[in-house]
Amino acid sequence: MGFCSRCHQKKPKDRWKWCEACRKRQRLAAQQWRLVHPEESKVYQREWYRAVRAEVLAHCGKGCACCGEQTFEFLTIDHIDGGGRDHRDEVGKRGTEFLRWLRKNGYPKGYQVLCYNCNMARGYWKVCPHQSR
């Protein structure tokens, strides 16, 4: 047994610092805050997403592995051996959740940074025009 760090009641020993009741209260409070402060919530979510994305991109590579593009907004994560859609379906993650999955799983091998153009070309034609020249 452990203790909730918020209400100090006994709770099962698990990965959470708070008991289920305190976590539920916090989720409800957060939902209420987002309803009352929609603009601040959007700004926070955008900044959080950008920070997570920057962390993942920095870990996987500084720029496009094919053409060298480094503009943050153009960069994406690519499954090196293809099969990205199938893999995302398998783990049930897309967008931010996929970035969090990469981070949570210690950035497994098999991913690289590509710009959107190179990533789409690889997905559609199986090879990027930069590599076919």
Protein backbone atom coordinates (compact mmCIF):
# COMPACT_ATOMS: atom_id res chain seq x y z
CA MET A 1 0.00 0.00 0.00
CA GLY A 2 1.01 3.57 -0.65
CA PHE A 3 -0.43 6.98 0.13
CA CYS A 4 -2.04 9.57 -2.12
CA SER A 5 0.23 12.62 -2.28
CA ARG A 6 -2.83 14.87 -2.46
CA CYS A 7 -5.28 13.61 0.17
CA HIS A 8 -2.85 11.31 2.06
CA GLN A 9 -5.31 8.42 2.08
CA LYS A 10 -4.07 4.86 1.60
CA LYS A 11 -4.09 3.72 -2.01
CA PRO A 12 -2.85 0.69 -3.95
CA LYS A 13 0.81 0.91 -4.94
CA ASP A 14 0.82 1.81 -8.64
CA ARG A 15 2.35 4.32 -11.03
CA TRP A 16 0.05 7.14 -9.91
CA LYS A 17 0.90 9.60 -7.16
CA TRP A 18 -2.78 10.34 -6.53
CA CYS A 19 -5.63 8.00 -5.62
CA GLU A 20 -8.42 7.37 -8.14
CA ALA A 21 -10.78 9.83 -6.43
CA CYS A 22 -8.20 12.65 -6.55
CA ARG A 23 -7.36 11.89 -10.19
CA LYS A 24 -11.06 12.01 -11.05
CA ARG A 25 -11.49 15.35 -9.25
CA GLN A 26 -8.45 16.72 -11.11
CA ARG A 27 -9.78 15.57 -14.50
CA LEU A 28 -13.12 17.26 -13.81
CA ALA A 29 -11.41 20.46 -12.64
CA ALA A 30 -9.25 20.48 -15.78
CA GLN A 31 -12.31 19.97 -18.00
CA GLN A 32 -14.08 22.86 -16.26
CA TRP A 33 -11.03 25.09 -16.64
CA ARG A 34 -10.84 24.33 -20.37
CA LEU A 35 -14.53 25.24 -20.76
CA VAL A 36 -14.09 28.53 -18.90
CA HIS A 37 -10.73 29.39 -20.53
CA PRO A 38 -10.94 28.07 -24.11
CA GLU A 39 -8.37 30.45 -25.60
CA GLU A 40 -5.76 29.84 -22.89
CA SER A 41 -6.40 26.12 -23.24
CA LYS A 42 -5.77 26.23 -27.00
CA VAL A 43 -2.54 28.17 -26.48
CA TYR A 44 -1.37 25.71 -23.83
CA GLN A 45 -2.21 22.68 -25.99
CA ARG A 46 -0.46 24.19 -29.02
CA GLU A 47 2.67 24.98 -27.00
CA TRP A 48 2.65 21.52 -25.40
CA TYR A 49 2.28 19.83 -28.81
CA ARG A 50 5.08 21.93 -30.28
CA ALA A 51 7.38 21.05 -27.36
CA VAL A 52 6.70 17.30 -27.63
CA ARG A 53 7.12 17.41 -31.40
CA ALA A 54 10.39 19.35 -31.09
CA GLU A 55 11.70 16.79 -28.59
CA VAL A 56 10.84 13.85 -30.85
CA LEU A 57 12.26 15.51 -33.97
CA ALA A 58 15.47 16.44 -32.13
CA HIS A 59 15.89 12.86 -31.01
CA CYS A 60 15.19 11.32 -34.44
CA GLY A 61 17.22 13.84 -36.49
CA LYS A 62 17.78 17.55 -37.03
CA GLY A 63 16.35 17.72 -40.54
CA CYS A 64 15.06 15.73 -43.48
CA ALA A 65 17.23 12.66 -43.97
CA CYS A 66 16.62 12.88 -47.73
CA CYS A 67 16.84 16.53 -48.81
CA GLY A 68 18.13 18.25 -45.66
CA GLU A 69 15.08 20.50 -45.12
CA GLN A 70 15.18 21.92 -41.58
CA THR A 71 12.03 24.04 -41.36
CA PHE A 72 10.29 22.72 -38.24
CA GLU A 73 6.77 23.00 -39.66
CA PHE A 74 7.68 20.88 -42.72
CA LEU A 75 9.21 17.94 -40.83
CA THR A 76 7.51 14.61 -40.12
CA ILE A 77 8.39 11.25 -38.61
CA ASP A 78 8.82 8.46 -41.16
CA HIS A 79 8.82 4.69 -40.65
CA ILE A 80 12.12 3.79 -42.37
CA ASP A 81 10.87 0.42 -43.67
CA GLY A 82 7.41 1.72 -44.60
CA GLY A 83 4.20 0.39 -43.09
CA GLY A 84 3.52 3.54 -41.07
CA ARG A 85 -0.26 3.41 -41.37
CA ASP A 86 -0.38 -0.26 -40.38
CA HIS A 87 1.92 0.37 -37.42
CA ARG A 88 -0.11 3.38 -36.21
CA ASP A 89 -3.28 1.26 -36.50
CA GLU A 90 -1.58 -1.52 -34.53
CA VAL A 91 -0.53 0.72 -31.64
CA GLY A 92 -3.72 2.79 -31.96
CA LYS A 93 -1.87 6.09 -32.01
CA ARG A 94 -1.95 9.05 -34.36
CA GLY A 95 -0.74 12.64 -34.18
CA THR A 96 0.26 13.71 -30.69
CA GLU A 97 -0.46 10.27 -29.28
CA PHE A 98 2.02 8.73 -31.71
CA LEU A 99 4.70 11.23 -30.67
CA ARG A 100 4.02 10.40 -27.03
CA TRP A 101 4.18 6.68 -27.87
CA LEU A 102 7.62 7.15 -29.43
CA ARG A 103 8.84 9.01 -26.34
CA LYS A 104 7.30 6.54 -23.89
CA ASN A 105 8.89 3.60 -25.72
CA GLY A 106 12.37 5.12 -25.64
CA TYR A 107 12.45 6.19 -29.29
CA PRO A 108 12.69 2.72 -30.85
CA LYS A 109 14.81 2.24 -33.95
CA GLY A 110 13.19 2.33 -37.38
CA TYR A 111 12.17 6.00 -37.54
CA GLN A 112 13.68 9.00 -39.26
CA VAL A 113 12.85 12.63 -39.89
CA LEU A 114 11.69 13.49 -43.40
CA CYS A 115 10.09 16.62 -44.77
CA TYR A 116 6.47 16.25 -45.78
CA ASN A 117 7.31 16.19 -49.51
CA CYS A 118 9.89 13.41 -49.20
CA ASN A 119 7.63 11.44 -46.85
CA MET A 120 4.66 11.65 -49.23
CA ALA A 121 6.82 10.71 -52.23
CA ARG A 122 8.16 7.65 -50.40
CA GLY A 123 4.64 6.64 -49.42
CA TYR A 124 3.17 7.12 -52.87
CA TRP A 125 6.00 6.18 -55.24
CA LYS A 126 8.10 4.09 -52.81
CA VAL A 127 11.13 6.32 -53.52
CA CYS A 128 11.74 10.03 -53.12
CA PRO A 129 12.59 11.98 -56.31
CA HIS A 130 15.79 13.15 -54.56
CA GLN A 131 16.96 9.55 -54.42
CA SER A 132 15.89 8.54 -57.92
CA ARG A 133 18.11 11.15 -59.62
